[in-house]
Amino acid sequence: TDAFGRKCLLARRLVEQGVRFVQVYSGGWDSHDY
């Protein structure tokens, strides 16, 4: 969880300081197999 956890925590810190819109990406959901 470290990579995505850091981004979520940073997103909270950013909106807390007045950033209006934060987009957080998680990739790799294209599961055609397995």
PDB file of all heavy atoms in Angstrom:
ATOM      1  N   THR A   1       0.788  -1.239   0.000  1.00  0.00           N
ATOM      2  CA  THR A   1       0.000   0.000   0.000  1.00  0.00           C
ATOM      3  C   THR A   1       0.814   1.280   0.000  1.00  0.00           C
ATOM      4  O   THR A   1       0.239   2.372  -0.091  1.00  0.00           O
ATOM      5  CB  THR A   1      -0.922   0.016   1.238  1.00  0.00           C
ATOM      6  OG1 THR A   1      -0.107  -0.142   2.423  1.00  0.00           O
ATOM      7  CG2 THR A   1      -1.938  -1.109   1.180  1.00  0.00           C
ATOM      8  N   ASP A   2       2.128   1.195   0.084  1.00  0.00           N
ATOM      9  CA  ASP A   2       2.939   2.398   0.274  1.00  0.00           C
ATOM     10  C   ASP A   2       2.744   3.426  -0.843  1.00  0.00           C
ATOM     11  O   ASP A   2       2.502   4.602  -0.573  1.00  0.00           O
ATOM     12  CB  ASP A   2       4.426   2.029   0.377  1.00  0.00           C
ATOM     13  CG  ASP A   2       5.303   3.246   0.599  1.00  0.00           C
ATOM     14  OD1 ASP A   2       5.317   3.762   1.732  1.00  0.00           O
ATOM     15  OD2 ASP A   2       5.963   3.690  -0.362  1.00  0.00           O
ATOM     16  N   ALA A   3       2.855   3.012  -2.091  1.00  0.00           N
ATOM     17  CA  ALA A   3       2.806   3.959  -3.215  1.00  0.00           C
ATOM     18  C   ALA A   3       1.476   4.694  -3.273  1.00  0.00           C
ATOM     19  O   ALA A   3       1.440   5.934  -3.344  1.00  0.00           O
ATOM     20  CB  ALA A   3       3.068   3.230  -4.532  1.00  0.00           C
ATOM     21  N   PHE A   4       0.375   3.966  -3.234  1.00  0.00           N
ATOM     22  CA  PHE A   4      -0.935   4.620  -3.319  1.00  0.00           C
ATOM     23  C   PHE A   4      -1.265   5.319  -2.012  1.00  0.00           C
ATOM     24  O   PHE A   4      -1.921   6.375  -2.012  1.00  0.00           O
ATOM     25  CB  PHE A   4      -2.019   3.605  -3.674  1.00  0.00           C
ATOM     26  CG  PHE A   4      -3.300   4.228  -4.151  1.00  0.00           C
ATOM     27  CD1 PHE A   4      -3.390   4.774  -5.423  1.00  0.00           C
ATOM     28  CD2 PHE A   4      -4.414   4.297  -3.321  1.00  0.00           C
ATOM     29  CE1 PHE A   4      -4.563   5.372  -5.870  1.00  0.00           C
ATOM     30  CE2 PHE A   4      -5.585   4.886  -3.758  1.00  0.00           C
ATOM     31  CZ  PHE A   4      -5.668   5.422  -5.035  1.00  0.00           C
ATOM     32  N   GLY A   5      -0.812   4.775  -0.895  1.00  0.00           N
ATOM     33  CA  GLY A   5      -1.050   5.411   0.393  1.00  0.00           C
ATOM     34  C   GLY A   5      -0.412   6.787   0.475  1.00  0.00           C
ATOM     35  O   GLY A   5      -0.998   7.737   1.020  1.00  0.00           O
ATOM     36  N   ARG A   6       0.799   6.918  -0.046  1.00  0.00           N
ATOM     37  CA  ARG A   6       1.471   8.214  -0.051  1.00  0.00           C
ATOM     38  C   ARG A   6       0.691   9.231  -0.890  1.00  0.00           C
ATOM     39  O   ARG A   6       0.580  10.407  -0.526  1.00  0.00           O
ATOM     40  CB  ARG A   6       2.896   8.073  -0.587  1.00  0.00           C
ATOM     41  CG  ARG A   6       3.855   7.396   0.383  1.00  0.00           C
ATOM     42  CD  ARG A   6       5.240   7.208  -0.209  1.00  0.00           C
ATOM     43  NE  ARG A   6       6.124   6.589   0.767  1.00  0.00           N
ATOM     44  CZ  ARG A   6       6.818   7.258   1.681  1.00  0.00           C
ATOM     45  NH1 ARG A   6       6.750   8.573   1.723  1.00  0.00           N
ATOM     46  NH2 ARG A   6       7.590   6.628   2.544  1.00  0.00           N
ATOM     47  N   LYS A   7       0.152   8.784  -2.010  1.00  0.00           N
ATOM     48  CA  LYS A   7      -0.591   9.698  -2.868  1.00  0.00           C
ATOM     49  C   LYS A   7      -1.898  10.141  -2.203  1.00  0.00           C
ATOM     50  O   LYS A   7      -2.283  11.310  -2.288  1.00  0.00           O
ATOM     51  CB  LYS A   7      -0.854   9.051  -4.227  1.00  0.00           C
ATOM     52  CG  LYS A   7       0.391   8.987  -5.092  1.00  0.00           C
ATOM     53  CD  LYS A   7       0.104   8.607  -6.533  1.00  0.00           C
ATOM     54  CE  LYS A   7      -0.104   7.139  -6.707  1.00  0.00           C
ATOM     55  NZ  LYS A   7      -0.138   6.736  -8.128  1.00  0.00           N
ATOM     56  N   CYS A   8      -2.574   9.214  -1.527  1.00  0.00           N
ATOM     57  CA  CYS A   8      -3.819   9.581  -0.843  1.00  0.00           C
ATOM     58  C   CYS A   8      -3.543  10.545   0.309  1.00  0.00           C
ATOM     59  O   CYS A   8      -4.297  11.504   0.525  1.00  0.00           O
ATOM     60  CB  CYS A   8      -4.530   8.327  -0.330  1.00  0.00           C
ATOM     61  SG  CYS A   8      -5.362   7.369  -1.613  1.00  0.00           S
ATOM     62  N   LEU A   9      -2.477  10.291   1.052  1.00  0.00           N
ATOM     63  CA  LEU A   9      -2.118  11.183   2.150  1.00  0.00           C
ATOM     64  C   LEU A   9      -1.730  12.559   1.615  1.00  0.00           C
ATOM     65  O   LEU A   9      -2.109  13.592   2.175  1.00  0.00           O
ATOM     66  CB  LEU A   9      -0.975  10.576   2.963  1.00  0.00           C
ATOM     67  CG  LEU A   9      -0.456  11.380   4.165  1.00  0.00           C
ATOM     68  CD1 LEU A   9      -1.592  11.820   5.076  1.00  0.00           C
ATOM     69  CD2 LEU A   9       0.574  10.561   4.944  1.00  0.00           C
ATOM     70  N   LEU A  10      -0.985  12.587   0.530  1.00  0.00           N
ATOM     71  CA  LEU A  10      -0.608  13.861  -0.076  1.00  0.00           C
ATOM     72  C   LEU A  10      -1.837  14.597  -0.592  1.00  0.00           C
ATOM     73  O   LEU A  10      -1.936  15.826  -0.470  1.00  0.00           O
ATOM     74  CB  LEU A  10       0.393  13.627  -1.210  1.00  0.00           C
ATOM     75  CG  LEU A  10       0.876  14.872  -1.970  1.00  0.00           C
ATOM     76  CD1 LEU A  10       1.453  15.904  -1.015  1.00  0.00           C
ATOM     77  CD2 LEU A  10       1.898  14.482  -3.030  1.00  0.00           C
ATOM     78  N   ALA A  11      -2.795  13.856  -1.157  1.00  0.00           N
ATOM     79  CA  ALA A  11      -4.035  14.484  -1.644  1.00  0.00           C
ATOM     80  C   ALA A  11      -4.759  15.180  -0.497  1.00  0.00           C
ATOM     81  O   ALA A  11      -5.257  16.304  -0.649  1.00  0.00           O
ATOM     82  CB  ALA A  11      -4.934  13.438  -2.295  1.00  0.00           C
ATOM     83  N   ARG A  12      -4.821  14.527   0.661  1.00  0.00           N
ATOM     84  CA  ARG A  12      -5.462  15.160   1.813  1.00  0.00           C
ATOM     85  C   ARG A  12      -4.721  16.424   2.238  1.00  0.00           C
ATOM     86  O   ARG A  12      -5.315  17.467   2.516  1.00  0.00           O
ATOM     87  CB  ARG A  12      -5.506  14.190   2.984  1.00  0.00           C
ATOM     88  CG  ARG A  12      -6.327  14.708   4.182  1.00  0.00           C
ATOM     89  CD  ARG A  12      -5.607  14.449   5.489  1.00  0.00           C
ATOM     90  NE  ARG A  12      -4.594  15.454   5.762  1.00  0.00           N
ATOM     91  CZ  ARG A  12      -3.558  15.262   6.573  1.00  0.00           C
ATOM     92  NH1 ARG A  12      -3.358  14.087   7.138  1.00  0.00           N
ATOM     93  NH2 ARG A  12      -2.691  16.239   6.781  1.00  0.00           N
ATOM     94  N   ARG A  13      -3.384  16.360   2.250  1.00  0.00           N
ATOM     95  CA  ARG A  13      -2.598  17.528   2.638  1.00  0.00           C
ATOM     96  C   ARG A  13      -2.793  18.677   1.652  1.00  0.00           C
ATOM     97  O   ARG A  13      -2.828  19.853   2.042  1.00  0.00           O
ATOM     98  CB  ARG A  13      -1.117  17.151   2.743  1.00  0.00           C
ATOM     99  CG  ARG A  13      -0.793  16.224   3.904  1.00  0.00           C
ATOM    100  CD  ARG A  13       0.655  15.728   3.856  1.00  0.00           C
ATOM    101  NE  ARG A  13       1.619  16.791   4.060  1.00  0.00           N
ATOM    102  CZ  ARG A  13       2.066  17.203   5.243  1.00  0.00           C
ATOM    103  NH1 ARG A  13       1.587  16.633   6.352  1.00  0.00           N
ATOM    104  NH2 ARG A  13       2.958  18.177   5.339  1.00  0.00           N
ATOM    105  N   LEU A  14      -2.932  18.357   0.375  1.00  0.00           N
ATOM    106  CA  LEU A  14      -3.100  19.392  -0.641  1.00  0.00           C
ATOM    107  C   LEU A  14      -4.446  20.100  -0.518  1.00  0.00           C
ATOM    108  O   LEU A  14      -4.517  21.329  -0.549  1.00  0.00           O
ATOM    109  CB  LEU A  14      -2.938  18.780  -2.034  1.00  0.00           C
ATOM    110  CG  LEU A  14      -1.512  18.351  -2.410  1.00  0.00           C
ATOM    111  CD1 LEU A  14      -1.521  17.522  -3.684  1.00  0.00           C
ATOM    112  CD2 LEU A  14      -0.593  19.566  -2.576  1.00  0.00           C
ATOM    113  N   VAL A  15      -5.536  19.330  -0.393  1.00  0.00           N
ATOM    114  CA  VAL A  15      -6.840  19.987  -0.278  1.00  0.00           C
ATOM    115  C   VAL A  15      -6.957  20.727   1.047  1.00  0.00           C
ATOM    116  O   VAL A  15      -7.649  21.761   1.142  1.00  0.00           O
ATOM    117  CB  VAL A  15      -8.005  18.986  -0.445  1.00  0.00           C
ATOM    118  CG1 VAL A  15      -7.988  18.353  -1.824  1.00  0.00           C
ATOM    119  CG2 VAL A  15      -7.998  17.915   0.627  1.00  0.00           C
ATOM    120  N   GLU A  16      -6.268  20.225   2.051  1.00  0.00           N
ATOM    121  CA  GLU A  16      -6.268  20.901   3.343  1.00  0.00           C
ATOM    122  C   GLU A  16      -5.639  22.288   3.236  1.00  0.00           C
ATOM    123  O   GLU A  16      -6.011  23.217   3.965  1.00  0.00           O
ATOM    124  CB  GLU A  16      -5.512  20.052   4.358  1.00  0.00           C
ATOM    125  CG  GLU A  16      -5.642  20.495   5.796  1.00  0.00           C
ATOM    126  CD  GLU A  16      -4.987  19.521   6.756  1.00  0.00           C
ATOM    127  OE1 GLU A  16      -3.981  18.886   6.381  1.00  0.00           O
ATOM    128  OE2 GLU A  16      -5.480  19.392   7.890  1.00  0.00           O
ATOM    129  N   GLN A  17      -4.698  22.436   2.303  1.00  0.00           N
ATOM    130  CA  GLN A  17      -4.016  23.708   2.106  1.00  0.00           C
ATOM    131  C   GLN A  17      -4.622  24.538   0.976  1.00  0.00           C
ATOM    132  O   GLN A  17      -4.022  25.518   0.541  1.00  0.00           O
ATOM    133  CB  GLN A  17      -2.533  23.458   1.828  1.00  0.00           C
ATOM    134  CG  GLN A  17      -1.787  22.829   2.988  1.00  0.00           C
ATOM    135  CD  GLN A  17      -1.842  23.678   4.245  1.00  0.00           C
ATOM    136  OE1 GLN A  17      -1.682  24.903   4.178  1.00  0.00           O
ATOM    137  NE2 GLN A  17      -2.072  23.052   5.383  1.00  0.00           N
ATOM    138  N   GLY A  18      -5.788  24.140   0.484  1.00  0.00           N
ATOM    139  CA  GLY A  18      -6.509  24.994  -0.449  1.00  0.00           C
ATOM    140  C   GLY A  18      -6.443  24.619  -1.907  1.00  0.00           C
ATOM    141  O   GLY A  18      -6.957  25.352  -2.751  1.00  0.00           O
ATOM    142  N   VAL A  19      -5.811  23.482  -2.260  1.00  0.00           N
ATOM    143  CA  VAL A  19      -5.825  23.039  -3.647  1.00  0.00           C
ATOM    144  C   VAL A  19      -7.249  22.622  -4.002  1.00  0.00           C
ATOM    145  O   VAL A  19      -7.887  21.869  -3.271  1.00  0.00           O
ATOM    146  CB  VAL A  19      -4.837  21.876  -3.878  1.00  0.00           C
ATOM    147  CG1 VAL A  19      -4.953  21.344  -5.303  1.00  0.00           C
ATOM    148  CG2 VAL A  19      -3.410  22.350  -3.601  1.00  0.00           C
ATOM    149  N   ARG A  20      -7.738  23.098  -5.108  1.00  0.00           N
ATOM    150  CA  ARG A  20      -9.152  22.904  -5.448  1.00  0.00           C
ATOM    151  C   ARG A  20      -9.453  21.506  -5.986  1.00  0.00           C
ATOM    152  O   ARG A  20     -10.491  20.927  -5.672  1.00  0.00           O
ATOM    153  CB  ARG A  20      -9.550  23.946  -6.500  1.00  0.00           C
ATOM    154  CG  ARG A  20     -11.016  23.928  -6.884  1.00  0.00           C
ATOM    155  CD  ARG A  20     -11.902  24.481  -5.801  1.00  0.00           C
ATOM    156  NE  ARG A  20     -11.823  25.926  -5.704  1.00  0.00           N
ATOM    157  CZ  ARG A  20     -12.567  26.645  -4.869  1.00  0.00           C
ATOM    158  NH1 ARG A  20     -13.430  26.042  -4.059  1.00  0.00           N
ATOM    159  NH2 ARG A  20     -12.438  27.964  -4.811  1.00  0.00           N
ATOM    160  N   PHE A  21      -8.560  20.942  -6.807  1.00  0.00           N
ATOM    161  CA  PHE A  21      -8.853  19.672  -7.488  1.00  0.00           C
ATOM    162  C   PHE A  21      -7.585  18.827  -7.532  1.00  0.00           C
ATOM    163  O   PHE A  21      -6.557  19.276  -8.031  1.00  0.00           O
ATOM    164  CB  PHE A  21      -9.356  19.938  -8.907  1.00  0.00           C
ATOM    165  CG  PHE A  21     -10.058  18.781  -9.555  1.00  0.00           C
ATOM    166  CD1 PHE A  21     -11.440  18.707  -9.593  1.00  0.00           C
ATOM    167  CD2 PHE A  21      -9.339  17.746 -10.139  1.00  0.00           C
ATOM    168  CE1 PHE A  21     -12.093  17.643 -10.198  1.00  0.00           C
ATOM    169  CE2 PHE A  21      -9.977  16.680 -10.746  1.00  0.00           C
ATOM    170  CZ  PHE A  21     -11.359  16.630 -10.774  1.00  0.00           C
ATOM    171  N   VAL A  22      -7.660  17.610  -6.991  1.00  0.00           N
ATOM    172  CA  VAL A  22      -6.531  16.682  -6.998  1.00  0.00           C
ATOM    173  C   VAL A  22      -6.985  15.382  -7.643  1.00  0.00           C
ATOM    174  O   VAL A  22      -8.000  14.803  -7.238  1.00  0.00           O
ATOM    175  CB  VAL A  22      -6.011  16.391  -5.578  1.00  0.00           C
ATOM    176  CG1 VAL A  22      -4.814  15.441  -5.637  1.00  0.00           C
ATOM    177  CG2 VAL A  22      -5.628  17.680  -4.865  1.00  0.00           C
ATOM    178  N   GLN A  23      -6.258  14.928  -8.655  1.00  0.00           N
ATOM    179  CA  GLN A  23      -6.571  13.642  -9.278  1.00  0.00           C
ATOM    180  C   GLN A  23      -5.462  12.654  -8.961  1.00  0.00           C
ATOM    181  O   GLN A  23      -4.280  12.930  -9.176  1.00  0.00           O
ATOM    182  CB  GLN A  23      -6.740  13.789 -10.787  1.00  0.00           C
ATOM    183  CG  GLN A  23      -7.276  12.511 -11.438  1.00  0.00           C
ATOM    184  CD  GLN A  23      -7.622  12.696 -12.902  1.00  0.00           C
ATOM    185  OE1 GLN A  23      -6.866  13.278 -13.652  1.00  0.00           O
ATOM    186  NE2 GLN A  23      -8.778  12.193 -13.323  1.00  0.00           N
ATOM    187  N   VAL A  24      -5.857  11.492  -8.447  1.00  0.00           N
ATOM    188  CA  VAL A  24      -4.916  10.459  -8.013  1.00  0.00           C
ATOM    189  C   VAL A  24      -5.097   9.233  -8.906  1.00  0.00           C
ATOM    190  O   VAL A  24      -6.216   8.723  -9.049  1.00  0.00           O
ATOM    191  CB  VAL A  24      -5.154  10.076  -6.544  1.00  0.00           C
ATOM    192  CG1 VAL A  24      -4.119   9.056  -6.079  1.00  0.00           C
ATOM    193  CG2 VAL A  24      -5.129  11.310  -5.648  1.00  0.00           C
ATOM    194  N   TYR A  25      -4.003   8.738  -9.480  1.00  0.00           N
ATOM    195  CA  TYR A  25      -4.078   7.612 -10.408  1.00  0.00           C
ATOM    196  C   TYR A  25      -3.609   6.302  -9.775  1.00  0.00           C
ATOM    197  O   TYR A  25      -2.631   6.254  -9.025  1.00  0.00           O
ATOM    198  CB  TYR A  25      -3.219   7.874 -11.647  1.00  0.00           C
ATOM    199  CG  TYR A  25      -3.926   8.702 -12.695  1.00  0.00           C
ATOM    200  CD1 TYR A  25      -3.919  10.089 -12.630  1.00  0.00           C
ATOM    201  CD2 TYR A  25      -4.613   8.096 -13.743  1.00  0.00           C
ATOM    202  CE1 TYR A  25      -4.570  10.853 -13.586  1.00  0.00           C
ATOM    203  CE2 TYR A  25      -5.272   8.850 -14.702  1.00  0.00           C
ATOM    204  CZ  TYR A  25      -5.249  10.229 -14.614  1.00  0.00           C
ATOM    205  OH  TYR A  25      -5.909  10.984 -15.558  1.00  0.00           O
ATOM    206  N   SER A  26      -4.333   5.239 -10.095  1.00  0.00           N
ATOM    207  CA  SER A  26      -3.905   3.862  -9.848  1.00  0.00           C
ATOM    208  C   SER A  26      -4.029   3.139 -11.180  1.00  0.00           C
ATOM    209  O   SER A  26      -5.094   3.128 -11.792  1.00  0.00           O
ATOM    210  CB  SER A  26      -4.803   3.186  -8.799  1.00  0.00           C
ATOM    211  OG  SER A  26      -4.561   1.785  -8.751  1.00  0.00           O
ATOM    212  N   GLY A  27      -2.948   2.545 -11.665  1.00  0.00           N
ATOM    213  CA  GLY A  27      -2.966   1.913 -12.983  1.00  0.00           C
ATOM    214  C   GLY A  27      -2.954   0.402 -12.919  1.00  0.00           C
ATOM    215  O   GLY A  27      -2.791  -0.201 -11.858  1.00  0.00           O
ATOM    216  N   GLY A  28      -3.149  -0.227 -14.091  1.00  0.00           N
ATOM    217  CA  GLY A  28      -3.040  -1.679 -14.192  1.00  0.00           C
ATOM    218  C   GLY A  28      -4.336  -2.452 -14.074  1.00  0.00           C
ATOM    219  O   GLY A  28      -4.311  -3.681 -13.921  1.00  0.00           O
ATOM    220  N   TRP A  29      -5.486  -1.777 -14.166  1.00  0.00           N
ATOM    221  CA  TRP A  29      -6.772  -2.455 -13.970  1.00  0.00           C
ATOM    222  C   TRP A  29      -7.291  -3.157 -15.226  1.00  0.00           C
ATOM    223  O   TRP A  29      -8.410  -3.664 -15.237  1.00  0.00           O
ATOM    224  CB  TRP A  29      -7.811  -1.439 -13.489  1.00  0.00           C
ATOM    225  CG  TRP A  29      -7.544  -0.940 -12.101  1.00  0.00           C
ATOM    226  CD1 TRP A  29      -6.733   0.099 -11.744  1.00  0.00           C
ATOM    227  CD2 TRP A  29      -8.078  -1.462 -10.883  1.00  0.00           C
ATOM    228  NE1 TRP A  29      -6.729   0.258 -10.378  1.00  0.00           N
ATOM    229  CE2 TRP A  29      -7.541  -0.692  -9.828  1.00  0.00           C
ATOM    230  CE3 TRP A  29      -8.950  -2.511 -10.585  1.00  0.00           C
ATOM    231  CZ2 TRP A  29      -7.855  -0.934  -8.486  1.00  0.00           C
ATOM    232  CZ3 TRP A  29      -9.267  -2.749  -9.247  1.00  0.00           C
ATOM    233  CH2 TRP A  29      -8.720  -1.970  -8.219  1.00  0.00           C
ATOM    234  N   ASP A  30      -6.511  -3.222 -16.275  1.00  0.00           N
ATOM    235  CA  ASP A  30      -6.948  -3.809 -17.544  1.00  0.00           C
ATOM    236  C   ASP A  30      -6.762  -5.329 -17.507  1.00  0.00           C
ATOM    237  O   ASP A  30      -5.882  -5.886 -18.159  1.00  0.00           O
ATOM    238  CB  ASP A  30      -6.143  -3.193 -18.685  1.00  0.00           C
ATOM    239  CG  ASP A  30      -6.712  -3.540 -20.054  1.00  0.00           C
ATOM    240  OD1 ASP A  30      -7.906  -3.856 -20.141  1.00  0.00           O
ATOM    241  OD2 ASP A  30      -5.944  -3.486 -21.035  1.00  0.00           O
ATOM    242  N   SER A  31      -7.622  -6.007 -16.777  1.00  0.00           N
ATOM    243  CA  SER A  31      -7.439  -7.437 -16.482  1.00  0.00           C
ATOM    244  C   SER A  31      -8.155  -8.331 -17.497  1.00  0.00           C
ATOM    245  O   SER A  31      -9.220  -8.890 -17.214  1.00  0.00           O
ATOM    246  CB  SER A  31      -7.924  -7.749 -15.065  1.00  0.00           C
ATOM    247  OG  SER A  31      -7.214  -6.994 -14.118  1.00  0.00           O
ATOM    248  N   HIS A  32      -7.550  -8.496 -18.674  1.00  0.00           N
ATOM    249  CA  HIS A  32      -8.108  -9.419 -19.660  1.00  0.00           C
ATOM    250  C   HIS A  32      -7.859 -10.871 -19.250  1.00  0.00           C
ATOM    251  O   HIS A  32      -8.629 -11.758 -19.628  1.00  0.00           O
ATOM    252  CB  HIS A  32      -7.479  -9.164 -21.027  1.00  0.00           C
ATOM    253  CG  HIS A  32      -7.895  -7.879 -21.648  1.00  0.00           C
ATOM    254  ND1 HIS A  32      -9.090  -7.728 -22.317  1.00  0.00           N
ATOM    255  CD2 HIS A  32      -7.285  -6.663 -21.686  1.00  0.00           C
ATOM    256  CE1 HIS A  32      -9.196  -6.486 -22.762  1.00  0.00           C
ATOM    257  NE2 HIS A  32      -8.111  -5.815 -22.387  1.00  0.00           N
ATOM    258  N   ASP A  33      -6.794 -11.100 -18.525  1.00  0.00           N
ATOM    259  CA  ASP A  33      -6.444 -12.446 -18.078  1.00  0.00           C
ATOM    260  C   ASP A  33      -6.026 -12.400 -16.607  1.00  0.00           C
ATOM    261  O   ASP A  33      -5.696 -11.332 -16.075  1.00  0.00           O
ATOM    262  CB  ASP A  33      -5.286 -13.008 -18.918  1.00  0.00           C
ATOM    263  CG  ASP A  33      -5.605 -13.004 -20.412  1.00  0.00           C
ATOM    264  OD1 ASP A  33      -6.638 -13.588 -20.785  1.00  0.00           O
ATOM    265  OD2 ASP A  33      -4.837 -12.398 -21.187  1.00  0.00           O
ATOM    266  N   TYR A  34      -6.061 -13.550 -15.980  1.00  0.00           N
ATOM    267  CA  TYR A  34      -5.607 -13.669 -14.593  1.00  0.00           C
ATOM    268  C   TYR A  34      -6.279 -12.631 -13.691  1.00  0.00           C
ATOM    269  O   TYR A  34      -5.639 -11.928 -12.910  1.00  0.00           O
ATOM    270  CB  TYR A  34      -4.077 -13.553 -14.521  1.00  0.00           C
ATOM    271  CG  TYR A  34      -3.388 -14.505 -15.468  1.00  0.00           C
ATOM    272  CD1 TYR A  34      -2.759 -14.033 -16.624  1.00  0.00           C
ATOM    273  CD2 TYR A  34      -3.409 -15.882 -15.234  1.00  0.00           C
ATOM    274  CE1 TYR A  34      -2.156 -14.903 -17.515  1.00  0.00           C
ATOM    275  CE2 TYR A  34      -2.806 -16.767 -16.124  1.00  0.00           C
ATOM    276  CZ  TYR A  34      -2.181 -16.280 -17.259  1.00  0.00           C
ATOM    277  OH  TYR A  34      -1.588 -17.151 -18.136  1.00  0.00           O
TER     278      TYR A  34
END
